[in-house]
Amino acid sequence: MNPFRQIGPILAALRRHKMATLLIVLQIALTLAVVSNALFIVKTRVLHLSRPTGTDEAHLFVIRNEWIGQPDVPHIDAQMRADLTTLRNLSGVRDAFASQAYPFGGWGGLARIKRQVDQTEKPQFAITYFADQHALDTFGIALVAGRNFRADEIGSLGPYDKSMPAVVIITRDLARKLFPDSAAVGRRVYLADTGPSTIIGVVDRLEGAYVGSTTRSIDEDTVLVPARYANPDGVVYLVRTQPGELATVLHAAPAALVAQNRMRLISPQDGVITLARARAQGYATDRGVAIMMAAICALLLLATAGGIVGLSSFWVGQRRRSIGVRRALGATRGDILRYFQAENALIVGIGVVLGAMLGVAANLSLMTHYELPRMPLWVLAVGAALLWLLGQLAVLGPAQRAAAVPPVEATRSV
């Protein structure tokens, strides 16, 4: 039987069940709109939490050191120098440096970068790390242009001092944003309202310390500032180990620091943390949101499939006599089966068209209120195809029961 010739009878049958048809169409439309946007958010979250930092994560760990008492800035600076010497001399340690933050740490510094001191346009925001000449090797990142810091360029910075670095190293992504048409090395920039800083080097990639969505657009816009930050509240030591030595150094490093000077506090619970663990903790929210949204999508799809099964089963029960009449007039089991599948395809098709429009509108609204990119149309196309396939599978059982109705049903009274 030609499926196009069934459209007329299908529309006539649906007009007798307007409310039920409208409800299932709306359910399909809402499912497509919600599922497509939710899965797109899941995709962006998964990509976000799996992005590389650009560092040697497998061999990096962090020591969060707090000072006991109220040491002054010169004393802290001298102690940091001694601590770094101790860490670098440990067996199994490749390199180490001191900073105020680390990747996935959740806190750090933000810099407003201008290309001109009197620039009126919005400055470029970037994430900062205090660093020294050992930072690149500790992170495991390489220069793609320029040079590393020299020892004489590393200053000491107290908590109330304004950072006025003469030189900085930036990431490639930040360099492209600041100077899209020329090389960044040798160019001057202004950090906030300080004096000029010369860009002496560019690294390929270095993720910032923040993991939240509010800074996602500047995740790879990082500035290394040559300074030891002598903060009375504490310091972060980043340590890179030789291959196979991470577990040993994790226990040896805090003990060596305490032996060097006991006027410090390193928490036994979270004072020492590997970068792999920091990634897991930092992205726990993203991972939880992705799992929750995936579960919601699965429940919505199951609910929609259940609605299609229930409605189709109801219609089969309502139409047993008319099905029997068609069978008595020569319709085969295959004809009845194809009729219900075509009817379902039409209903799902109407719901998909409406759902696609709702999905686009929802994505535009999310783009306005949250830092979410535009959803590609192929996501809606894939969602529509999956819903159509789901509808065909859901209607298969009721359609087979309808096809099994014998011609003798035509003789039964209503």
Protein backbone atom coordinates (compact mmCIF):
# COMPACT_ATOMS: atom_id res chain seq x y z
CA MET A 1 0.00 0.00 0.00
CA ASN A 2 1.32 3.45 -0.91
CA PRO A 3 2.10 5.25 2.38
CA PHE A 4 1.18 8.65 0.91
CA ARG A 5 -2.35 7.38 0.24
CA GLN A 6 -2.73 6.76 3.99
CA ILE A 7 -2.20 10.41 4.95
CA GLY A 8 -5.86 11.25 4.35
CA PRO A 9 -7.23 8.46 6.58
CA ILE A 10 -4.57 9.19 9.19
CA LEU A 11 -5.51 12.89 9.39
CA ALA A 12 -9.18 11.97 9.58
CA ALA A 13 -8.48 9.58 12.46
CA LEU A 14 -6.34 12.14 14.29
CA ARG A 15 -9.06 14.77 14.05
CA ARG A 16 -11.24 12.48 16.15
CA HIS A 17 -8.55 12.47 18.85
CA LYS A 18 -7.46 16.09 18.77
CA MET A 19 -6.58 16.53 22.43
CA ALA A 20 -4.61 13.29 22.73
CA THR A 21 -2.74 14.08 19.50
CA LEU A 22 -1.96 17.63 20.66
CA LEU A 23 -0.62 16.42 24.00
CA ILE A 24 1.73 13.87 22.45
CA VAL A 25 2.95 16.43 19.86
CA LEU A 26 3.70 18.91 22.65
CA GLN A 27 5.45 16.22 24.66
CA ILE A 28 7.67 15.36 21.69
CA ALA A 29 8.39 19.04 21.01
CA LEU A 30 9.34 19.78 24.61
CA THR A 31 11.44 16.62 24.77
CA LEU A 32 13.42 17.63 21.68
CA ALA A 33 13.90 21.21 22.92
CA VAL A 34 15.02 20.14 26.38
CA VAL A 35 17.06 17.09 25.39
CA SER A 36 18.95 18.83 22.55
CA ASN A 37 19.95 21.78 24.76
CA ALA A 38 20.73 19.55 27.75
CA LEU A 39 22.92 17.21 25.70
CA PHE A 40 24.66 20.22 24.15
CA ILE A 41 25.40 21.54 27.65
CA VAL A 42 26.65 18.07 28.63
CA LYS A 43 28.92 18.08 25.59
CA THR A 44 30.37 21.49 26.46
CA ARG A 45 30.84 20.45 30.10
CA VAL A 46 32.60 17.21 29.12
CA LEU A 47 34.89 19.08 26.74
CA HIS A 48 35.60 21.65 29.45
CA LEU A 49 36.53 19.15 32.16
CA SER A 50 38.66 17.06 29.79
CA ARG A 51 40.68 19.98 28.37
CA PRO A 52 44.44 19.77 28.85
CA THR A 53 46.21 22.28 31.08
CA GLY A 54 49.33 22.21 28.93
CA THR A 55 51.35 21.06 31.96
CA ASP A 56 52.95 17.76 32.93
CA GLU A 57 49.97 16.86 35.13
CA ALA A 58 51.06 13.27 35.75
CA HIS A 59 54.20 14.40 37.61
CA LEU A 60 53.01 17.63 39.27
CA PHE A 61 51.84 18.17 42.81
CA VAL A 62 51.17 21.17 45.04
CA ILE A 63 52.12 21.97 48.62
CA ARG A 64 49.89 24.54 50.32
CA ASN A 65 52.08 26.03 53.03
CA GLU A 66 50.79 28.36 55.76
CA TRP A 67 53.09 30.36 58.05
CA ILE A 68 52.85 30.22 61.84
CA GLY A 69 53.17 33.53 63.66
CA GLN A 70 53.38 36.86 61.89
CA PRO A 71 56.60 36.86 59.86
CA ASP A 72 57.45 39.99 57.90
CA VAL A 73 57.97 40.11 54.14
CA PRO A 74 61.82 39.87 54.20
CA HIS A 75 61.65 36.87 56.54
CA ILE A 76 59.05 35.14 54.35
CA ASP A 77 61.07 35.82 51.20
CA ALA A 78 64.20 34.33 52.77
CA GLN A 79 62.23 31.32 53.96
CA MET A 80 60.73 30.76 50.50
CA ARG A 81 64.23 30.79 48.99
CA ALA A 82 65.37 28.20 51.54
CA ASP A 83 62.27 26.06 50.95
CA LEU A 84 62.79 26.05 47.19
CA THR A 85 66.42 25.04 47.60
CA THR A 86 65.30 22.19 49.87
CA LEU A 87 62.64 20.99 47.40
CA ARG A 88 64.91 21.18 44.35
CA ASN A 89 67.60 19.17 46.14
CA LEU A 90 65.23 16.33 47.06
CA SER A 91 65.85 13.01 45.33
CA GLY A 92 63.23 12.48 42.60
CA VAL A 93 62.41 16.18 42.17
CA ARG A 94 62.97 17.69 38.74
CA ASP A 95 62.12 21.30 39.60
CA ALA A 96 59.95 23.54 41.80
CA PHE A 97 58.82 27.12 42.17
CA ALA A 98 56.60 29.26 44.40
CA SER A 99 53.35 30.93 43.38
CA GLN A 100 50.05 32.17 44.72
CA ALA A 101 47.92 29.75 42.69
CA TYR A 102 47.92 26.57 40.63
CA PRO A 103 45.76 25.01 37.89
CA PHE A 104 42.31 23.91 39.17
CA GLY A 105 43.03 25.61 42.50
CA GLY A 106 39.96 27.81 42.23
CA TRP A 107 41.66 31.05 43.20
CA GLY A 108 44.41 33.23 41.85
CA GLY A 109 44.86 36.64 40.34
CA LEU A 110 43.15 38.48 37.51
CA ALA A 111 44.89 41.15 35.46
CA ARG A 112 43.43 43.84 33.23
CA ILE A 113 45.82 44.19 30.31
CA LYS A 114 45.98 47.26 28.08
CA ARG A 115 48.05 47.76 24.96
CA GLN A 116 48.22 51.52 25.57
CA VAL A 117 48.37 53.34 28.89
CA ASP A 118 45.54 55.66 27.79
CA GLN A 119 43.49 52.92 26.11
CA THR A 120 39.77 53.67 26.26
CA GLU A 121 38.45 50.36 24.93
CA LYS A 122 37.75 47.47 27.29
CA PRO A 123 40.99 45.87 28.53
CA GLN A 124 41.75 42.20 28.01
CA PHE A 125 41.38 40.11 31.16
CA ALA A 126 43.89 37.38 31.96
CA ILE A 127 44.76 35.02 34.80
CA THR A 128 48.13 35.50 36.51
CA TYR A 129 50.69 33.26 38.17
CA PHE A 130 53.67 34.54 40.10
CA ALA A 131 56.67 32.66 38.76
CA ASP A 132 60.45 32.54 38.46
CA GLN A 133 62.99 31.11 36.02
CA HIS A 134 62.08 27.58 37.18
CA ALA A 135 58.35 27.88 36.44
CA LEU A 136 58.41 26.74 32.80
CA ASP A 137 60.35 23.59 33.58
CA THR A 138 58.20 22.87 36.64
CA PHE A 139 54.99 23.22 34.67
CA GLY A 140 56.50 21.20 31.81
CA ILE A 141 55.66 23.83 29.22
CA ALA A 142 57.89 25.10 26.45
CA LEU A 143 58.36 28.48 24.84
CA VAL A 144 57.10 28.88 21.29
CA ALA A 145 58.73 32.31 21.03
CA GLY A 146 61.08 34.50 23.04
CA ARG A 147 63.02 33.58 26.18
CA ASN A 148 62.61 32.55 29.81
CA PHE A 149 62.96 34.79 32.87
CA ARG A 150 66.44 35.48 34.21
CA ALA A 151 67.27 35.19 37.91
CA ASP A 152 67.91 38.94 38.19
CA GLU A 153 64.38 39.68 36.90
CA ILE A 154 62.65 37.90 39.80
CA GLY A 155 61.49 40.35 42.45
CA SER A 156 60.01 40.02 45.92
CA LEU A 157 56.43 41.18 46.36
CA GLY A 158 54.54 41.79 49.59
CA PRO A 159 50.74 41.65 50.02
CA TYR A 160 50.37 45.43 49.80
CA ASP A 161 52.90 46.03 47.04
CA LYS A 162 51.73 46.89 43.54
CA SER A 163 52.99 44.48 40.92
CA MET A 164 54.99 46.41 38.33
CA PRO A 165 56.86 43.72 36.38
CA ALA A 166 59.33 44.92 33.76
CA VAL A 167 58.86 41.71 31.78
CA VAL A 168 56.15 39.04 31.47
CA ILE A 169 55.54 35.74 29.69
CA ILE A 170 52.10 35.09 28.22
CA THR A 171 50.23 32.26 26.52
CA ARG A 172 49.71 31.99 22.78
CA ASP A 173 45.94 32.49 23.11
CA LEU A 174 46.42 35.77 24.99
CA ALA A 175 49.04 36.89 22.48
CA ARG A 176 46.59 36.38 19.62
CA LYS A 177 43.94 38.42 21.38
CA LEU A 178 46.29 41.27 22.21
CA PHE A 179 48.18 41.34 18.91
CA PRO A 180 46.19 39.44 16.27
CA ASP A 181 48.18 40.81 13.33
CA SER A 182 51.75 40.81 14.70
CA ALA A 183 54.18 38.97 16.95
CA ALA A 184 53.78 39.59 20.67
CA VAL A 185 57.41 39.18 21.76
CA GLY A 186 59.00 42.56 22.33
CA ARG A 187 55.67 44.39 22.57
CA ARG A 188 54.68 46.38 25.63
CA VAL A 189 51.52 45.93 27.66
CA TYR A 190 50.15 47.58 30.79
CA LEU A 191 48.85 45.48 33.69
CA ALA A 192 46.03 47.53 35.23
CA ASP A 193 47.43 51.02 35.94
CA THR A 194 51.08 50.03 36.37
CA GLY A 195 54.01 50.88 34.17
CA PRO A 196 54.78 49.08 30.93
CA SER A 197 55.75 45.41 30.87
CA THR A 198 57.63 43.92 27.92
CA ILE A 199 56.52 40.52 26.65
CA ILE A 200 59.70 38.43 26.51
CA GLY A 201 58.19 35.00 25.86
CA VAL A 202 55.13 33.12 24.64
CA VAL A 203 54.15 29.60 25.73
CA ASP A 204 51.74 27.37 23.86
CA ARG A 205 49.18 26.63 26.58
CA LEU A 206 48.77 27.12 30.31
CA GLU A 207 45.37 26.92 31.93
CA GLY A 208 44.43 29.34 34.66
CA ALA A 209 43.55 28.52 38.23
CA TYR A 210 39.80 29.05 37.86
CA VAL A 211 37.47 26.23 36.83
CA GLY A 212 34.10 28.01 36.96
CA SER A 213 32.11 29.09 33.93
CA THR A 214 32.47 32.80 34.74
CA THR A 215 36.09 32.82 33.50
CA ARG A 216 35.75 30.21 30.76
CA SER A 217 36.41 32.70 27.97
CA ILE A 218 39.86 33.46 29.42
CA ASP A 219 40.82 29.94 30.51
CA GLU A 220 43.90 29.97 28.28
CA ASP A 221 44.74 33.66 28.71
CA THR A 222 47.53 33.44 31.26
CA VAL A 223 50.33 35.79 32.35
CA LEU A 224 53.46 34.72 34.22
CA VAL A 225 54.71 37.54 36.46
CA PRO A 226 58.34 37.30 37.66
CA ALA A 227 58.01 37.58 41.44
CA ARG A 228 58.06 35.64 44.70
CA TYR A 229 54.85 36.56 46.50
CA ALA A 230 55.75 36.85 50.19
CA ASN A 231 52.25 36.56 51.62
CA PRO A 232 52.00 36.19 55.45
CA ASP A 233 48.98 33.93 54.93
CA GLY A 234 50.97 31.34 53.02
CA VAL A 235 52.46 30.21 49.75
CA VAL A 236 51.89 27.54 47.12
CA TYR A 237 54.83 25.38 46.06
CA LEU A 238 54.50 23.57 42.75
CA VAL A 239 56.78 20.55 42.43
CA ARG A 240 57.51 18.43 39.36
CA THR A 241 58.94 14.98 39.96
CA GLN A 242 60.95 12.62 37.82
CA PRO A 243 58.93 9.80 36.18
CA GLY A 244 57.97 7.13 38.70
CA GLU A 245 58.92 9.26 41.73
CA LEU A 246 55.63 11.05 42.45
CA ALA A 247 54.42 8.82 45.30
CA THR A 248 57.80 8.92 47.07
CA VAL A 249 58.27 12.69 46.77
CA LEU A 250 54.68 13.36 47.90
CA HIS A 251 55.63 12.07 51.36
CA ALA A 252 59.22 13.28 51.43
CA ALA A 253 58.64 16.92 50.42
CA PRO A 254 56.40 18.06 53.34
CA ALA A 255 58.66 16.29 55.83
CA ALA A 256 61.72 18.00 54.35
CA LEU A 257 60.07 21.42 54.62
CA VAL A 258 59.07 20.85 58.25
CA ALA A 259 62.58 19.67 59.06
CA GLN A 260 63.98 22.81 57.45
CA ASN A 261 61.68 25.10 59.52
CA ARG A 262 58.86 24.03 61.80
CA MET A 263 57.14 27.45 61.80
CA ARG A 264 54.68 26.36 59.14
CA LEU A 265 51.43 24.44 58.75
CA ILE A 266 50.83 21.89 55.97
CA SER A 267 47.42 20.25 56.37
CA PRO A 268 47.63 16.44 56.45
CA GLN A 269 44.25 16.27 54.68
CA ASP A 270 44.63 18.61 51.74
CA GLY A 271 47.92 20.41 52.21
CA VAL A 272 49.57 18.23 49.56
CA ILE A 273 47.58 17.52 46.41
CA THR A 274 48.46 16.11 43.02
CA LEU A 275 47.30 17.98 39.95
CA ALA A 276 45.29 14.92 38.92
CA ARG A 277 43.37 15.10 42.21
CA ALA A 278 43.00 18.86 41.86
CA ARG A 279 41.43 18.30 38.41
CA ALA A 280 38.95 15.79 39.86
CA GLN A 281 38.00 18.14 42.71
CA GLY A 282 37.88 21.24 40.54
CA TYR A 283 35.57 19.70 37.98
CA ALA A 284 33.36 17.78 40.41
CA THR A 285 30.51 20.26 39.84
CA ASP A 286 30.82 20.08 36.05
CA ARG A 287 30.89 16.30 36.20
CA GLY A 288 27.85 16.21 38.49
CA VAL A 289 25.89 18.58 36.24
CA ALA A 290 26.75 16.48 33.16
CA ILE A 291 25.61 13.27 34.87
CA MET A 292 22.42 14.89 36.16
CA MET A 293 21.50 16.32 32.75
CA ALA A 294 22.24 13.03 31.01
CA ALA A 295 19.94 11.28 33.52
CA ILE A 296 17.21 13.88 32.93
CA CYS A 297 17.51 13.35 29.18
CA ALA A 298 17.18 9.59 29.61
CA LEU A 299 14.09 10.01 31.81
CA LEU A 300 12.49 12.43 29.34
CA LEU A 301 13.09 10.06 26.45
CA LEU A 302 11.64 7.15 28.44
CA ALA A 303 8.60 9.26 29.38
CA THR A 304 8.06 10.22 25.74
CA ALA A 305 8.40 6.61 24.61
CA GLY A 306 5.95 5.60 27.31
CA GLY A 307 3.49 8.25 26.14
CA ILE A 308 3.68 7.02 22.55
CA VAL A 309 3.19 3.40 23.64
CA GLY A 310 0.25 4.30 25.86
CA LEU A 311 -1.49 6.45 23.24
CA SER A 312 -0.94 3.92 20.47
CA SER A 313 -2.23 1.08 22.67
CA PHE A 314 -5.31 3.14 23.50
CA TRP A 315 -5.96 3.85 19.83
CA VAL A 316 -5.59 0.17 18.96
CA GLY A 317 -8.24 -0.69 21.55
CA GLN A 318 -10.53 2.07 20.19
CA ARG A 319 -10.12 0.99 16.56
CA ARG A 320 -10.33 -2.79 16.76
CA ARG A 321 -13.59 -2.88 14.78
CA SER A 322 -12.32 -0.48 12.08
CA ILE A 323 -9.11 -2.50 11.85
CA GLY A 324 -11.17 -5.65 11.49
CA VAL A 325 -13.15 -4.01 8.68
CA ARG A 326 -9.95 -3.13 6.83
CA ARG A 327 -8.71 -6.67 7.26
CA ALA A 328 -12.02 -8.03 5.93
CA LEU A 329 -11.69 -5.74 2.88
CA GLY A 330 -8.27 -7.20 2.08
CA ALA A 331 -5.74 -5.23 4.09
CA THR A 332 -2.80 -7.39 5.11
CA ARG A 333 -1.03 -7.46 8.47
CA GLY A 334 1.77 -5.50 6.86
CA ASP A 335 -0.68 -2.81 5.70
CA ILE A 336 -1.99 -2.35 9.26
CA LEU A 337 1.54 -2.28 10.65
CA ARG A 338 2.68 0.35 8.15
CA TYR A 339 -0.44 2.42 8.82
CA PHE A 340 0.36 2.82 12.53
CA GLN A 341 4.01 3.45 11.81
CA ALA A 342 3.10 6.14 9.27
CA GLU A 343 0.67 7.68 11.74
CA ASN A 344 3.38 7.78 14.39
CA ALA A 345 5.91 9.21 11.93
CA LEU A 346 3.50 12.05 11.09
CA ILE A 347 2.85 12.86 14.76
CA VAL A 348 6.54 12.76 15.64
CA GLY A 349 7.37 14.83 12.56
CA ILE A 350 5.00 17.61 13.63
CA GLY A 351 6.43 17.48 17.17
CA VAL A 352 10.00 17.57 15.85
CA VAL A 353 9.37 20.68 13.73
CA LEU A 354 7.82 22.47 16.72
CA GLY A 355 10.56 21.17 19.02
CA ALA A 356 13.32 22.42 16.71
CA MET A 357 11.92 25.95 16.90
CA LEU A 358 11.60 25.72 20.68
CA GLY A 359 15.16 24.32 20.91
CA VAL A 360 16.64 27.22 18.96
CA ALA A 361 14.70 29.72 21.07
CA ALA A 362 15.88 28.03 24.28
CA ASN A 363 19.50 28.07 23.11
CA LEU A 364 19.31 31.79 22.28
CA SER A 365 17.91 32.45 25.75
CA LEU A 366 20.70 30.44 27.38
CA MET A 367 23.29 32.35 25.35
CA THR A 368 21.86 35.60 26.71
CA HIS A 369 21.94 34.60 30.37
CA TYR A 370 24.89 32.19 30.50
CA GLU A 371 28.29 31.82 28.85
CA LEU A 372 27.10 29.17 26.40
CA PRO A 373 27.97 29.01 22.68
CA ARG A 374 25.42 28.76 19.90
CA MET A 375 24.11 25.23 19.49
CA PRO A 376 24.92 23.77 16.05
CA LEU A 377 21.89 22.77 13.99
CA TRP A 378 23.26 19.26 13.63
CA VAL A 379 22.53 18.72 17.33
CA LEU A 380 18.84 19.33 16.64
CA ALA A 381 19.02 17.12 13.55
CA VAL A 382 20.53 14.26 15.56
CA GLY A 383 17.95 14.76 18.31
CA ALA A 384 15.12 14.74 15.77
CA ALA A 385 16.42 11.54 14.17
CA LEU A 386 16.73 9.85 17.56
CA LEU A 387 13.21 10.89 18.53
CA TRP A 388 11.84 9.65 15.23
CA LEU A 389 13.59 6.31 15.71
CA LEU A 390 12.39 6.16 19.31
CA GLY A 391 8.83 6.81 18.13
CA GLN A 392 9.04 4.01 15.57
CA LEU A 393 10.36 1.58 18.17
CA ALA A 394 7.75 2.67 20.73
CA VAL A 395 4.84 2.18 18.32
CA LEU A 396 6.08 -1.17 17.08
CA GLY A 397 4.47 -3.20 19.88
CA PRO A 398 0.98 -1.61 19.62
CA ALA A 399 1.21 -1.72 15.80
CA GLN A 400 1.94 -5.45 15.88
CA ARG A 401 -1.05 -6.01 18.16
CA ALA A 402 -3.16 -4.01 15.74
CA ALA A 403 -1.87 -6.09 12.83
CA ALA A 404 -2.88 -9.22 14.73
CA VAL A 405 -6.57 -8.15 14.89
CA PRO A 406 -8.55 -10.77 12.91
CA PRO A 407 -11.11 -9.85 10.21
CA VAL A 408 -13.87 -11.31 12.39
CA GLU A 409 -13.66 -8.17 14.57
CA ALA A 410 -15.63 -6.44 11.79
CA THR A 411 -18.71 -8.46 12.79
CA ARG A 412 -18.59 -7.52 16.45
CA SER A 413 -20.98 -4.89 17.78
CA VAL A 414 -19.61 -1.55 18.96
